[in-house]
Amino acid sequence: MLKEYEKKRDFKKTTEPKSEKSRKKKADETGHLFVIQDHHASHHHYDLRLEHRGVLKSWALPKGMPKARAQKHLAVETEDHPLSYANFEGVIPEGQYGAGTVKIHDRGTFENLTHDKTYKPVPMTRSLKNGHVLFRLHGNRYKKKVYALHRFRQEKKDLWLLIALPN
């Protein structure tokens, strides 16, 4: 699951965490870890990471997290990251993938709120596959904020919209 992550990094040069053995969980568990990282790379952006099945599913947010109700921001899906990346802050050296400073902007847990037409809960695995994830963040900055991730284009890097919803 983390082959692409490892392929892009030289761990002799970067302090980013190496992949660890993933701890698989049931797809529909709630209370997963989330982290939002402020990433000053070649282009300043934020990274949203949601725990799923022992890894952090990741999206780059060129304009950061949307704040106003119904505001939409582009979210570019990136490679999965190891769970230990949720604690990573530091400088990725020049010449390395993602070179620049990474700081934790917020972290906590999230709950998957996705449901089907009959209001039955939809497991995270199916939500991601279907391209629509509804979730609530429980962090320090983002307390009970509700968002939707909606995939609108499947390419080499899938493109999603991150939409701020009413709490």
C-alpha atoms as a PDB file:
ATOM      1  CA  MET A   1       0.000   0.000   0.000  1.00  0.00           C
ATOM      2  CA  LEU A   2       2.890   2.366   0.641  1.00  0.00           C
ATOM      3  CA  LYS A   3       5.111   1.433  -2.336  1.00  0.00           C
ATOM      4  CA  GLU A   4       4.591   4.762  -4.096  1.00  0.00           C
ATOM      5  CA  TYR A   5       5.391   6.653  -0.863  1.00  0.00           C
ATOM      6  CA  GLU A   6       8.657   4.727  -0.430  1.00  0.00           C
ATOM      7  CA  LYS A   7       9.608   4.982  -4.114  1.00  0.00           C
ATOM      8  CA  LYS A   8       9.492   8.810  -3.997  1.00  0.00           C
ATOM      9  CA  ARG A   9      11.770   9.182  -0.941  1.00  0.00           C
ATOM     10  CA  ASP A  10      15.410   8.635  -0.066  1.00  0.00           C
ATOM     11  CA  PHE A  11      15.287   7.931   3.666  1.00  0.00           C
ATOM     12  CA  LYS A  12      19.050   8.509   3.965  1.00  0.00           C
ATOM     13  CA  LYS A  13      18.383  12.161   3.075  1.00  0.00           C
ATOM     14  CA  THR A  14      14.950  12.928   4.522  1.00  0.00           C
ATOM     15  CA  THR A  15      13.679  12.734   8.090  1.00  0.00           C
ATOM     16  CA  GLU A  16      10.221  11.731   6.908  1.00  0.00           C
ATOM     17  CA  PRO A  17       9.047   8.526   8.600  1.00  0.00           C
ATOM     18  CA  LYS A  18       9.618   5.223   6.864  1.00  0.00           C
ATOM     19  CA  SER A  19       6.688   2.951   6.196  1.00  0.00           C
ATOM     20  CA  GLU A  20       5.709   0.785   9.097  1.00  0.00           C
ATOM     21  CA  LYS A  21       3.665  -2.339   9.074  1.00  0.00           C
ATOM     22  CA  SER A  22       0.102  -1.131   8.582  1.00  0.00           C
ATOM     23  CA  ARG A  23      -2.529  -2.081  11.113  1.00  0.00           C
ATOM     24  CA  LYS A  24      -5.611  -3.037   9.197  1.00  0.00           C
ATOM     25  CA  LYS A  25      -8.943  -2.030  10.653  1.00  0.00           C
ATOM     26  CA  LYS A  26     -12.469  -2.698   9.617  1.00  0.00           C
ATOM     27  CA  ALA A  27     -13.478  -0.277   6.902  1.00  0.00           C
ATOM     28  CA  ASP A  28     -16.446   1.131   8.798  1.00  0.00           C
ATOM     29  CA  GLU A  29     -14.746   1.968  12.114  1.00  0.00           C
ATOM     30  CA  THR A  30     -15.268   5.527  13.341  1.00  0.00           C
ATOM     31  CA  GLY A  31     -12.922   7.798  15.244  1.00  0.00           C
ATOM     32  CA  HIS A  32     -10.082   7.586  12.752  1.00  0.00           C
ATOM     33  CA  LEU A  33      -7.093   9.892  12.921  1.00  0.00           C
ATOM     34  CA  PHE A  34      -6.885  12.965  10.698  1.00  0.00           C
ATOM     35  CA  VAL A  35      -4.129  15.513  10.235  1.00  0.00           C
ATOM     36  CA  ILE A  36      -3.892  18.723   8.230  1.00  0.00           C
ATOM     37  CA  GLN A  37      -0.327  19.767   7.467  1.00  0.00           C
ATOM     38  CA  ASP A  38       0.872  23.173   6.280  1.00  0.00           C
ATOM     39  CA  HIS A  39       3.398  22.398   3.528  1.00  0.00           C
ATOM     40  CA  HIS A  40       5.708  25.127   2.244  1.00  0.00           C
ATOM     41  CA  ALA A  41       7.048  23.301  -0.814  1.00  0.00           C
ATOM     42  CA  SER A  42       7.610  24.612  -4.357  1.00  0.00           C
ATOM     43  CA  HIS A  43       3.972  25.727  -4.061  1.00  0.00           C
ATOM     44  CA  HIS A  44       2.529  26.461  -0.637  1.00  0.00           C
ATOM     45  CA  HIS A  45      -0.423  24.184   0.116  1.00  0.00           C
ATOM     46  CA  TYR A  46      -2.042  22.140   2.862  1.00  0.00           C
ATOM     47  CA  ASP A  47      -2.281  18.359   3.031  1.00  0.00           C
ATOM     48  CA  LEU A  48      -5.387  16.632   4.343  1.00  0.00           C
ATOM     49  CA  ARG A  49      -4.799  13.093   5.592  1.00  0.00           C
ATOM     50  CA  LEU A  50      -7.518  10.693   6.745  1.00  0.00           C
ATOM     51  CA  GLU A  51      -6.728   7.355   8.354  1.00  0.00           C
ATOM     52  CA  HIS A  52      -8.098   4.367   6.497  1.00  0.00           C
ATOM     53  CA  ARG A  53      -7.097   0.709   6.826  1.00  0.00           C
ATOM     54  CA  GLY A  54      -3.744   1.412   8.455  1.00  0.00           C
ATOM     55  CA  VAL A  55      -2.556   4.252   6.195  1.00  0.00           C
ATOM     56  CA  LEU A  56      -3.272   7.948   5.719  1.00  0.00           C
ATOM     57  CA  LYS A  57      -5.272   8.640   2.559  1.00  0.00           C
ATOM     58  CA  SER A  58      -3.915  12.000   1.352  1.00  0.00           C
ATOM     59  CA  TRP A  59      -5.009  15.031  -0.632  1.00  0.00           C
ATOM     60  CA  ALA A  60      -3.058  18.211  -1.453  1.00  0.00           C
ATOM     61  CA  LEU A  61      -5.157  21.351  -0.952  1.00  0.00           C
ATOM     62  CA  PRO A  62      -3.694  24.238  -3.009  1.00  0.00           C
ATOM     63  CA  LYS A  63      -6.028  26.772  -1.325  1.00  0.00           C
ATOM     64  CA  GLY A  64      -6.210  25.122   2.094  1.00  0.00           C
ATOM     65  CA  MET A  65      -9.349  24.067   3.926  1.00  0.00           C
ATOM     66  CA  PRO A  66     -12.587  25.746   2.856  1.00  0.00           C
ATOM     67  CA  LYS A  67     -14.122  27.685   5.737  1.00  0.00           C
ATOM     68  CA  ALA A  68     -17.371  29.271   4.556  1.00  0.00           C
ATOM     69  CA  ARG A  69     -20.477  27.129   4.135  1.00  0.00           C
ATOM     70  CA  ALA A  70     -20.659  25.603   0.626  1.00  0.00           C
ATOM     71  CA  GLN A  71     -17.169  26.873  -0.230  1.00  0.00           C
ATOM     72  CA  LYS A  72     -15.358  24.405  -2.508  1.00  0.00           C
ATOM     73  CA  HIS A  73     -11.615  23.873  -2.827  1.00  0.00           C
ATOM     74  CA  LEU A  74      -9.682  21.610  -5.129  1.00  0.00           C
ATOM     75  CA  ALA A  75      -8.229  18.488  -3.447  1.00  0.00           C
ATOM     76  CA  VAL A  76      -5.636  16.547  -5.478  1.00  0.00           C
ATOM     77  CA  GLU A  77      -5.299  12.954  -4.319  1.00  0.00           C
ATOM     78  CA  THR A  78      -1.700  11.979  -3.548  1.00  0.00           C
ATOM     79  CA  GLU A  79      -0.042   8.761  -2.467  1.00  0.00           C
ATOM     80  CA  ASP A  80      -0.956   7.081   0.807  1.00  0.00           C
ATOM     81  CA  HIS A  81       1.305   7.944   3.745  1.00  0.00           C
ATOM     82  CA  PRO A  82       2.200   5.853   6.807  1.00  0.00           C
ATOM     83  CA  LEU A  83       0.269   6.550  10.012  1.00  0.00           C
ATOM     84  CA  SER A  84       3.441   7.886  11.640  1.00  0.00           C
ATOM     85  CA  TYR A  85       3.342  10.786   9.139  1.00  0.00           C
ATOM     86  CA  ALA A  86       0.533  12.253  11.263  1.00  0.00           C
ATOM     87  CA  ASN A  87       3.242  13.354  13.739  1.00  0.00           C
ATOM     88  CA  PHE A  88       5.740  14.580  11.143  1.00  0.00           C
ATOM     89  CA  GLU A  89       6.942  18.161  11.248  1.00  0.00           C
ATOM     90  CA  GLY A  90      10.247  19.227   9.783  1.00  0.00           C
ATOM     91  CA  VAL A  91      12.156  20.203   6.707  1.00  0.00           C
ATOM     92  CA  ILE A  92      12.277  17.949   3.669  1.00  0.00           C
ATOM     93  CA  PRO A  93      15.685  18.685   2.082  1.00  0.00           C
ATOM     94  CA  GLU A  94      16.174  20.292  -1.339  1.00  0.00           C
ATOM     95  CA  GLY A  95      16.250  17.738  -4.119  1.00  0.00           C
ATOM     96  CA  GLN A  96      13.823  15.456  -2.309  1.00  0.00           C
ATOM     97  CA  TYR A  97      10.190  14.909  -3.248  1.00  0.00           C
ATOM     98  CA  GLY A  98       8.084  17.583  -1.530  1.00  0.00           C
ATOM     99  CA  ALA A  99      11.119  19.627  -0.445  1.00  0.00           C
ATOM    100  CA  GLY A 100      10.179  22.323   2.046  1.00  0.00           C
ATOM    101  CA  THR A 101       8.830  22.827   5.541  1.00  0.00           C
ATOM    102  CA  VAL A 102       5.972  20.761   6.940  1.00  0.00           C
ATOM    103  CA  LYS A 103       4.078  21.847  10.071  1.00  0.00           C
ATOM    104  CA  ILE A 104       1.019  20.346  11.684  1.00  0.00           C
ATOM    105  CA  HIS A 105      -1.912  22.737  11.276  1.00  0.00           C
ATOM    106  CA  ASP A 106      -4.462  20.546  13.067  1.00  0.00           C
ATOM    107  CA  ARG A 107      -5.035  16.941  14.029  1.00  0.00           C
ATOM    108  CA  GLY A 108      -7.565  14.847  15.858  1.00  0.00           C
ATOM    109  CA  THR A 109     -10.144  12.280  14.845  1.00  0.00           C
ATOM    110  CA  PHE A 110     -12.834  12.193  12.205  1.00  0.00           C
ATOM    111  CA  GLU A 111     -16.028  10.261  11.763  1.00  0.00           C
ATOM    112  CA  ASN A 112     -17.355   8.985   8.467  1.00  0.00           C
ATOM    113  CA  LEU A 113     -20.914  10.313   8.044  1.00  0.00           C
ATOM    114  CA  THR A 114     -21.491   8.920   4.557  1.00  0.00           C
ATOM    115  CA  HIS A 115     -24.844   7.226   4.080  1.00  0.00           C
ATOM    116  CA  ASP A 116     -26.787   5.803   1.166  1.00  0.00           C
ATOM    117  CA  LYS A 117     -30.234   6.848  -0.120  1.00  0.00           C
ATOM    118  CA  THR A 118     -31.922   4.902   2.685  1.00  0.00           C
ATOM    119  CA  TYR A 119     -29.673   6.603   5.285  1.00  0.00           C
ATOM    120  CA  LYS A 120     -27.742   3.415   6.019  1.00  0.00           C
ATOM    121  CA  PRO A 121     -24.070   4.089   6.901  1.00  0.00           C
ATOM    122  CA  VAL A 122     -21.617   3.488   4.059  1.00  0.00           C
ATOM    123  CA  PRO A 123     -18.195   2.038   4.981  1.00  0.00           C
ATOM    124  CA  MET A 124     -15.188   4.259   4.247  1.00  0.00           C
ATOM    125  CA  THR A 125     -13.825   1.788   1.685  1.00  0.00           C
ATOM    126  CA  ARG A 126     -17.006   2.043  -0.365  1.00  0.00           C
ATOM    127  CA  SER A 127     -17.190   5.828   0.135  1.00  0.00           C
ATOM    128  CA  LEU A 128     -13.698   6.260  -1.309  1.00  0.00           C
ATOM    129  CA  LYS A 129     -14.399   3.857  -4.175  1.00  0.00           C
ATOM    130  CA  ASN A 130     -17.658   5.686  -4.996  1.00  0.00           C
ATOM    131  CA  GLY A 131     -15.883   9.041  -4.868  1.00  0.00           C
ATOM    132  CA  HIS A 132     -17.964  10.639  -2.128  1.00  0.00           C
ATOM    133  CA  VAL A 133     -16.974  10.908   1.541  1.00  0.00           C
ATOM    134  CA  LEU A 134     -18.910  12.900   4.124  1.00  0.00           C
ATOM    135  CA  PHE A 135     -17.023  13.384   7.394  1.00  0.00           C
ATOM    136  CA  ARG A 136     -16.860  15.421  10.607  1.00  0.00           C
ATOM    137  CA  LEU A 137     -13.538  16.579  12.061  1.00  0.00           C
ATOM    138  CA  HIS A 138     -12.828  16.646  15.787  1.00  0.00           C
ATOM    139  CA  GLY A 139      -9.629  18.668  16.078  1.00  0.00           C
ATOM    140  CA  ASN A 140      -8.310  21.749  17.843  1.00  0.00           C
ATOM    141  CA  ARG A 141      -8.952  24.192  14.984  1.00  0.00           C
ATOM    142  CA  TYR A 142     -11.648  22.238  13.196  1.00  0.00           C
ATOM    143  CA  LYS A 143     -14.120  21.309  15.927  1.00  0.00           C
ATOM    144  CA  LYS A 144     -17.132  19.424  14.634  1.00  0.00           C
ATOM    145  CA  LYS A 145     -16.631  20.862  11.126  1.00  0.00           C
ATOM    146  CA  VAL A 146     -18.364  18.813   8.452  1.00  0.00           C
ATOM    147  CA  TYR A 147     -16.893  18.358   4.969  1.00  0.00           C
ATOM    148  CA  ALA A 148     -17.611  16.404   1.826  1.00  0.00           C
ATOM    149  CA  LEU A 149     -14.938  15.073  -0.498  1.00  0.00           C
ATOM    150  CA  HIS A 150     -16.366  14.512  -3.968  1.00  0.00           C
ATOM    151  CA  ARG A 151     -14.284  13.039  -6.802  1.00  0.00           C
ATOM    152  CA  PHE A 152     -15.031  14.756 -10.081  1.00  0.00           C
ATOM    153  CA  ARG A 153     -12.251  13.421 -12.293  1.00  0.00           C
ATOM    154  CA  GLN A 154     -10.316  10.166 -12.291  1.00  0.00           C
ATOM    155  CA  GLU A 155      -6.840  10.510 -13.740  1.00  0.00           C
ATOM    156  CA  LYS A 156      -3.304   9.588 -12.764  1.00  0.00           C
ATOM    157  CA  LYS A 157      -3.993  11.791  -9.720  1.00  0.00           C
ATOM    158  CA  ASP A 158      -7.686  11.866  -8.963  1.00  0.00           C
ATOM    159  CA  LEU A 159      -9.219  15.317  -8.561  1.00  0.00           C
ATOM    160  CA  TRP A 160     -11.705  15.926  -5.778  1.00  0.00           C
ATOM    161  CA  LEU A 161     -13.644  18.880  -4.401  1.00  0.00           C
ATOM    162  CA  LEU A 162     -13.489  19.485  -0.658  1.00  0.00           C
ATOM    163  CA  ILE A 163     -16.723  21.213   0.340  1.00  0.00           C
ATOM    164  CA  ALA A 164     -17.464  22.893   3.697  1.00  0.00           C
ATOM    165  CA  LEU A 165     -20.930  21.949   4.938  1.00  0.00           C
ATOM    166  CA  PRO A 166     -23.088  23.197   7.795  1.00  0.00           C
ATOM    167  CA  ASN A 167     -22.311  21.456  11.079  1.00  0.00           C
END
